[in-house]
């Protein structure tokens, strides 16, 4: 099979498209013929070593395809099942081995491309909007990068929960996408804290920030007293250490740095969230915007485009 390998941490030039022997499933595992692979910023962090993993590594933690073989002890999944998965590193390949308890059966009629495009970011948007800060009707919600993969899904879920959504974007094209997803107001990144205060009077109930270093300070300034800052990513770089007294000075604010693994720690929770997300996609209640599809061999270009913020919505690799 063909696969992507990272032999050493670095920029996109370290990504190697190579041939390796086909893998085989062990006990409790399944072998997947991969149809589509979701690209996420976490893949960049793994490649860079910001989220270190043992080297050499095959990046990618999200995909979908068809079960080609099952290992000993597997009973819930059979050959021929169409499944997706998240949080299983090693997905940038024509064939992938995943734990059977991570396999998510796809609803009838839902394509592997749509599943690979929505699972990780959709589950992220789900736990952010339903659990980390459970959005209530009438809440003022600030969503950064509202035209990005998580941003478009999070905007839609916030609207489903009755919020007023204020999105930030970096271009007119992205503003159009954010508004199509349901954003009530859209701001640029310059002076967005002042814009939020003007729109809301007292500030947002919650800020969902996957940008990180360049937006963090103004995000705190966008909150009303007792508001919550949800920092779930660092697309612009990690946030420097800061004095927790700033939370007090800002109005007894809350700060959370969540991750999906802690919000899908059991198979029951994983399947419950995935059932919601995939069900909404299958019914049309949740729209998925796939902006680019790259052959697996073009993985370097895909990473470059993602890091340069030249993209909107979701990027896929196709073996």
Protein backbone atom coordinates (compact mmCIF):
# COMPACT_ATOMS: atom_id res chain seq x y z
CA UNK A 1 0.00 0.00 0.00
CA UNK A 2 0.95 3.68 -0.27
CA UNK A 3 1.12 5.70 2.90
CA UNK A 4 2.51 8.94 4.32
CA UNK A 5 5.36 8.86 6.82
CA UNK A 6 6.90 11.55 9.04
CA UNK A 7 10.48 10.43 9.83
CA UNK A 8 11.39 13.61 11.74
CA UNK A 9 9.50 16.64 13.03
CA UNK A 10 9.39 19.69 10.79
CA UNK A 11 7.51 21.60 8.10
CA UNK A 12 5.54 19.99 5.28
CA UNK A 13 8.74 18.93 3.51
CA UNK A 14 9.18 16.09 6.02
CA UNK A 15 6.01 14.37 4.74
CA UNK A 16 7.04 11.35 2.65
CA UNK A 17 4.71 9.43 0.33
CA UNK A 18 6.06 5.87 0.40
CA UNK A 19 5.16 2.22 -0.14
CA UNK A 20 4.82 -0.10 2.85
CA UNK A 21 3.56 -3.67 3.35
CA UNK A 22 -0.18 -4.02 3.86
CA UNK A 23 -1.03 -4.13 7.58
CA UNK A 24 -3.03 -6.90 9.26
CA UNK A 25 -5.51 -6.53 12.12
CA UNK A 26 -4.64 -7.96 15.51
CA UNK A 27 -7.00 -8.95 18.32
CA UNK A 28 -9.79 -6.41 18.72
CA UNK A 29 -8.81 -4.58 15.53
CA UNK A 30 -10.21 -4.12 12.03
CA UNK A 31 -8.51 -3.43 8.69
CA UNK A 32 -10.05 -0.66 6.59
CA UNK A 33 -9.80 0.04 2.87
CA UNK A 34 -9.64 3.80 3.25
CA UNK A 35 -11.91 5.85 0.98
CA UNK A 36 -11.36 9.34 2.40
CA UNK A 37 -9.20 10.98 5.06
CA UNK A 38 -10.00 14.16 6.95
CA UNK A 39 -7.23 16.74 7.33
CA UNK A 40 -7.07 18.63 10.63
CA UNK A 41 -4.76 21.09 12.35
CA UNK A 42 -3.90 18.34 14.83
CA UNK A 43 -2.13 16.59 11.94
CA UNK A 44 0.10 19.65 11.55
CA UNK A 45 0.79 19.69 15.29
CA UNK A 46 1.78 15.99 15.16
CA UNK A 47 4.05 16.66 12.16
CA UNK A 48 5.70 19.60 13.89
CA UNK A 49 6.11 17.79 17.22
CA UNK A 50 3.89 20.31 19.03
CA UNK A 51 1.78 17.28 19.98
CA UNK A 52 4.69 14.80 20.07
CA UNK A 53 4.23 11.17 19.04
CA UNK A 54 6.85 8.45 18.58
CA UNK A 55 8.70 8.66 15.25
CA UNK A 56 8.45 7.62 12.51
CA UNK A 57 4.70 8.19 12.39
CA UNK A 58 1.88 8.12 9.88
CA UNK A 59 -0.29 11.18 10.64
CA UNK A 60 -4.03 11.55 10.31
CA UNK A 61 -6.62 10.74 12.95
CA UNK A 62 -9.86 10.69 10.96
CA UNK A 63 -11.20 8.77 8.00
CA UNK A 64 -13.82 6.50 6.54
CA UNK A 65 -13.91 3.41 4.38
CA UNK A 66 -14.92 -0.24 4.19
CA UNK A 67 -13.94 -3.04 6.56
CA UNK A 68 -11.64 -5.43 4.68
CA UNK A 69 -10.75 -7.83 7.53
CA UNK A 70 -11.38 -8.26 11.25
CA UNK A 71 -9.05 -9.54 13.93
CA UNK A 72 -9.73 -12.16 16.60
CA UNK A 73 -12.45 -11.28 19.08
CA UNK A 74 -14.20 -8.69 16.92
CA UNK A 75 -17.97 -9.19 16.84
CA UNK A 76 -19.55 -5.73 16.44
CA UNK A 77 -18.08 -5.08 12.97
CA UNK A 78 -17.99 -7.40 9.95
CA UNK A 79 -16.27 -7.39 6.58
CA UNK A 80 -18.08 -5.05 4.21
CA UNK A 81 -19.33 -2.61 6.86
CA UNK A 82 -18.92 1.06 6.02
CA UNK A 83 -17.32 2.82 8.98
CA UNK A 84 -15.70 6.05 10.06
CA UNK A 85 -13.30 6.81 12.89
CA UNK A 86 -11.68 9.65 14.83
CA UNK A 87 -8.71 9.95 17.21
CA UNK A 88 -6.88 7.00 15.66
CA UNK A 89 -3.48 8.16 14.39
CA UNK A 90 -2.27 6.52 11.19
CA UNK A 91 -5.06 7.42 8.77
CA UNK A 92 -2.92 8.90 5.93
CA UNK A 93 -2.78 5.59 4.09
CA UNK A 94 -4.58 3.40 1.58
CA UNK A 95 -5.24 0.87 4.36
CA UNK A 96 -5.57 1.52 8.09
CA UNK A 97 -5.88 -0.66 11.17
CA UNK A 98 -8.10 0.75 13.90
CA UNK A 99 -9.48 -0.61 17.20
CA UNK A 100 -12.89 -2.12 16.61
CA UNK A 101 -14.33 -0.05 19.46
CA UNK A 102 -13.43 3.12 17.52
CA UNK A 103 -15.35 2.04 14.40
CA UNK A 104 -18.51 4.08 13.82
CA UNK A 105 -21.06 2.53 11.46
CA UNK A 106 -22.20 5.00 8.81
CA UNK A 107 -25.92 5.65 8.22
CA UNK A 108 -27.36 4.25 5.02
CA UNK A 109 -26.82 6.65 2.16
CA UNK A 110 -24.10 8.73 3.86
CA UNK A 111 -20.95 8.74 1.73
CA UNK A 112 -17.52 7.99 3.22
CA UNK A 113 -16.37 11.42 2.03
CA UNK A 114 -19.05 13.18 4.06
CA UNK A 115 -18.26 11.02 7.09
CA UNK A 116 -14.53 11.73 6.84
CA UNK A 117 -15.30 15.42 6.41
CA UNK A 118 -17.54 15.78 9.45
CA UNK A 119 -16.62 13.30 12.17
CA UNK A 120 -13.71 14.90 14.00
CA UNK A 121 -14.76 18.51 13.51
CA UNK A 122 -18.43 17.66 13.99
CA UNK A 123 -17.77 15.82 17.25
CA UNK A 124 -15.61 18.74 18.33
CA UNK A 125 -18.38 21.23 17.60
CA UNK A 126 -20.81 18.93 19.40
CA UNK A 127 -18.92 18.71 22.69
CA UNK A 128 -18.04 22.42 22.58
CA UNK A 129 -21.67 23.49 22.13
CA UNK A 130 -23.37 20.77 24.18
CA UNK A 131 -20.94 20.04 27.03
CA UNK A 132 -17.98 22.39 27.55
CA UNK A 133 -20.36 25.35 27.47
CA UNK A 134 -23.91 24.10 26.89
CA UNK A 135 -25.38 26.86 24.74
CA UNK A 136 -28.77 28.15 25.86
CA UNK A 137 -31.45 29.93 23.83
CA UNK A 138 -30.65 33.62 23.58
CA UNK A 139 -26.92 33.30 24.35
CA UNK A 140 -24.52 35.57 22.50
CA UNK A 141 -21.82 33.28 21.09
CA UNK A 142 -18.55 34.37 19.46
CA UNK A 143 -17.14 31.82 17.01
CA UNK A 144 -13.66 32.50 15.67
CA UNK A 145 -12.71 31.29 12.19
CA UNK A 146 -16.42 30.93 11.49
CA UNK A 147 -15.76 29.83 7.89
CA UNK A 148 -13.33 27.09 8.89
CA UNK A 149 -14.16 23.42 9.29
CA UNK A 150 -15.12 23.56 12.97
CA UNK A 151 -16.43 27.10 12.69
CA UNK A 152 -19.07 26.32 10.07
CA UNK A 153 -20.34 23.31 12.03
CA UNK A 154 -20.19 25.09 15.38
CA UNK A 155 -22.14 28.03 13.97
CA UNK A 156 -24.88 25.71 12.75
CA UNK A 157 -25.06 23.83 16.06
CA UNK A 158 -25.17 27.08 18.03
CA UNK A 159 -28.12 28.20 15.89
CA UNK A 160 -29.84 24.85 16.44
CA UNK A 161 -29.55 25.56 20.18
CA UNK A 162 -31.06 29.04 19.82
CA UNK A 163 -28.01 31.28 20.11
CA UNK A 164 -27.14 34.54 18.40
CA UNK A 165 -23.86 33.84 16.63
CA UNK A 166 -21.16 36.42 16.00
CA UNK A 167 -18.45 35.05 13.72
CA UNK A 168 -15.00 36.32 12.85
CA UNK A 169 -13.51 35.85 9.38
CA UNK A 170 -10.59 37.16 7.33
CA UNK A 171 -12.17 37.81 3.92
CA UNK A 172 -15.46 38.67 2.16
CA UNK A 173 -15.62 35.14 0.73
CA UNK A 174 -15.40 33.70 4.23
CA UNK A 175 -18.01 36.16 5.50
CA UNK A 176 -20.44 34.84 2.89
CA UNK A 177 -19.84 31.24 4.01
CA UNK A 178 -20.28 32.14 7.68
CA UNK A 179 -23.57 33.88 7.00
CA UNK A 180 -24.78 30.94 4.91
CA UNK A 181 -24.09 28.72 7.95
CA UNK A 182 -26.32 30.98 10.05
CA UNK A 183 -24.03 33.59 11.61
CA UNK A 184 -26.13 36.59 12.63
CA UNK A 185 -23.21 39.02 12.66
CA UNK A 186 -19.76 38.74 11.10
CA UNK A 187 -16.67 40.73 12.11
CA UNK A 188 -13.09 40.96 10.93
CA UNK A 189 -10.27 40.25 13.35
CA UNK A 190 -9.27 43.90 13.79
CA UNK A 191 -10.90 45.32 16.94
CA UNK A 192 -13.38 42.45 17.16
CA UNK A 193 -13.67 42.82 20.96
CA UNK A 194 -15.05 46.33 20.54
CA UNK A 195 -17.41 45.04 17.86
CA UNK A 196 -18.73 42.31 20.14
CA UNK A 197 -19.32 44.78 22.97
CA UNK A 198 -21.17 47.13 20.61
CA UNK A 199 -23.40 44.32 19.37
CA UNK A 200 -24.14 42.77 22.76
CA UNK A 201 -23.86 45.61 25.26
CA UNK A 202 -22.12 43.55 27.93
CA UNK A 203 -20.16 40.97 25.90
CA UNK A 204 -20.51 37.39 24.77
CA UNK A 205 -21.60 34.55 27.02
CA UNK A 206 -18.96 32.31 25.46
CA UNK A 207 -16.07 32.61 23.02
CA UNK A 208 -15.01 29.54 21.04
CA UNK A 209 -11.40 30.18 20.03
CA UNK A 210 -9.40 27.75 17.89
CA UNK A 211 -7.01 30.45 16.66
CA UNK A 212 -4.95 30.88 19.80
CA UNK A 213 -2.10 33.36 20.20
CA UNK A 214 -3.34 36.20 17.99
CA UNK A 215 -6.93 36.28 19.30
CA UNK A 216 -6.64 35.19 22.94
CA UNK A 217 -6.34 38.59 24.63
CA UNK A 218 -9.16 40.18 22.65
CA UNK A 219 -11.28 37.07 23.16
CA UNK A 220 -11.08 37.54 26.94
CA UNK A 221 -12.00 41.19 26.42
CA UNK A 222 -15.08 40.12 24.41
CA UNK A 223 -16.69 38.30 27.34
CA UNK A 224 -19.34 39.54 29.73
CA UNK A 225 -18.85 38.95 33.48
CA UNK A 226 -19.02 35.22 34.27
CA UNK A 227 -18.46 34.44 30.59
CA UNK A 228 -16.48 31.44 29.41
CA UNK A 229 -13.41 31.40 27.18
CA UNK A 230 -13.16 28.05 25.39
CA UNK A 231 -9.71 27.69 23.86
CA UNK A 232 -9.80 24.54 21.74
CA UNK A 233 -6.93 25.08 19.29
CA UNK A 234 -3.91 27.15 18.35
CA UNK A 235 -3.93 27.75 14.60
CA UNK A 236 -1.88 30.95 15.03
CA UNK A 237 0.42 29.47 17.67
CA UNK A 238 0.22 28.58 21.37
CA UNK A 239 -1.00 31.11 23.92
CA UNK A 240 1.86 32.38 26.15
CA UNK A 241 1.59 31.87 29.91
CA UNK A 242 -0.66 34.46 31.55
CA UNK A 243 -1.69 35.62 35.01
CA UNK A 244 -4.95 33.96 36.16
CA UNK A 245 -5.76 37.22 37.96
CA UNK A 246 -6.82 38.49 34.52
CA UNK A 247 -9.86 36.22 34.76
CA UNK A 248 -10.88 37.94 37.97
CA UNK A 249 -10.30 41.40 36.55
CA UNK A 250 -12.37 40.55 33.47
CA UNK A 251 -15.43 39.67 35.58
CA UNK A 252 -14.80 36.29 37.24
CA UNK A 253 -14.34 34.68 33.83
CA UNK A 254 -13.95 30.98 33.13
CA UNK A 255 -11.24 29.45 30.93
CA UNK A 256 -11.29 25.92 29.53
CA UNK A 257 -8.82 24.11 27.27
CA UNK A 258 -10.81 21.01 26.21
CA UNK A 259 -10.05 18.20 23.79
CA UNK A 260 -12.23 15.61 22.09
CA UNK A 261 -10.59 12.61 23.75
CA UNK A 262 -11.96 13.61 27.14
CA UNK A 263 -15.46 14.16 25.74
CA UNK A 264 -15.60 10.82 23.89
CA UNK A 265 -13.75 8.73 26.43
CA UNK A 266 -16.17 5.79 26.27
CA UNK A 267 -17.65 4.00 23.28
CA UNK A 268 -21.13 4.94 24.48
CA UNK A 269 -20.29 8.66 24.50
CA UNK A 270 -18.48 8.40 21.16
CA UNK A 271 -21.47 6.71 19.50
CA UNK A 272 -23.96 9.09 21.11
CA UNK A 273 -22.20 12.18 19.78
CA UNK A 274 -21.51 10.56 16.40
CA UNK A 275 -25.14 9.49 16.15
CA UNK A 276 -26.27 13.09 16.58
CA UNK A 277 -23.74 14.50 14.10
CA UNK A 278 -24.14 11.88 11.38
CA UNK A 279 -27.90 11.88 11.82
CA UNK A 280 -28.04 15.65 11.31
CA UNK A 281 -25.89 15.35 8.19
CA UNK A 282 -27.99 12.51 6.79
CA UNK A 283 -31.21 14.49 7.40
CA UNK A 284 -29.84 17.70 5.94
CA UNK A 285 -30.05 19.61 9.24
CA UNK A 286 -26.24 19.99 9.26
CA UNK A 287 -24.44 21.05 6.09
CA UNK A 288 -20.85 19.98 5.44
CA UNK A 289 -18.67 22.20 3.26
CA UNK A 290 -15.85 20.26 1.54
CA UNK A 291 -13.63 22.86 -0.10
CA UNK A 292 -10.72 20.78 -1.41
CA UNK A 293 -9.94 17.15 -2.24
CA UNK A 294 -6.28 16.20 -2.68
CA UNK A 295 -4.77 12.93 -3.89
CA UNK A 296 -2.88 11.31 -1.01
CA UNK A 297 0.34 11.93 -2.95
CA UNK A 298 -0.29 15.70 -2.68
CA UNK A 299 -0.25 15.73 1.12
CA UNK A 300 2.44 18.43 1.31
CA UNK A 301 0.32 20.84 -0.71
CA UNK A 302 -2.69 20.10 1.47
CA UNK A 303 -0.75 20.95 4.64
CA UNK A 304 0.68 24.11 3.08
CA UNK A 305 -2.79 25.31 2.05
CA UNK A 306 -4.22 24.60 5.51
CA UNK A 307 -1.42 26.38 7.36
CA UNK A 308 -1.57 29.40 5.04
CA UNK A 309 -5.32 29.71 5.78
CA UNK A 310 -6.04 29.60 2.06
CA UNK A 311 -8.95 27.25 2.62
CA UNK A 312 -12.50 27.19 3.96
CA UNK A 313 -14.51 24.30 5.31
CA UNK A 314 -13.00 20.83 5.16
CA UNK A 315 -10.00 19.39 3.33
CA UNK A 316 -9.85 15.72 2.35
CA UNK A 317 -7.11 13.38 1.19
CA UNK A 318 -8.30 10.70 -1.25
CA UNK A 319 -6.15 7.54 -1.56
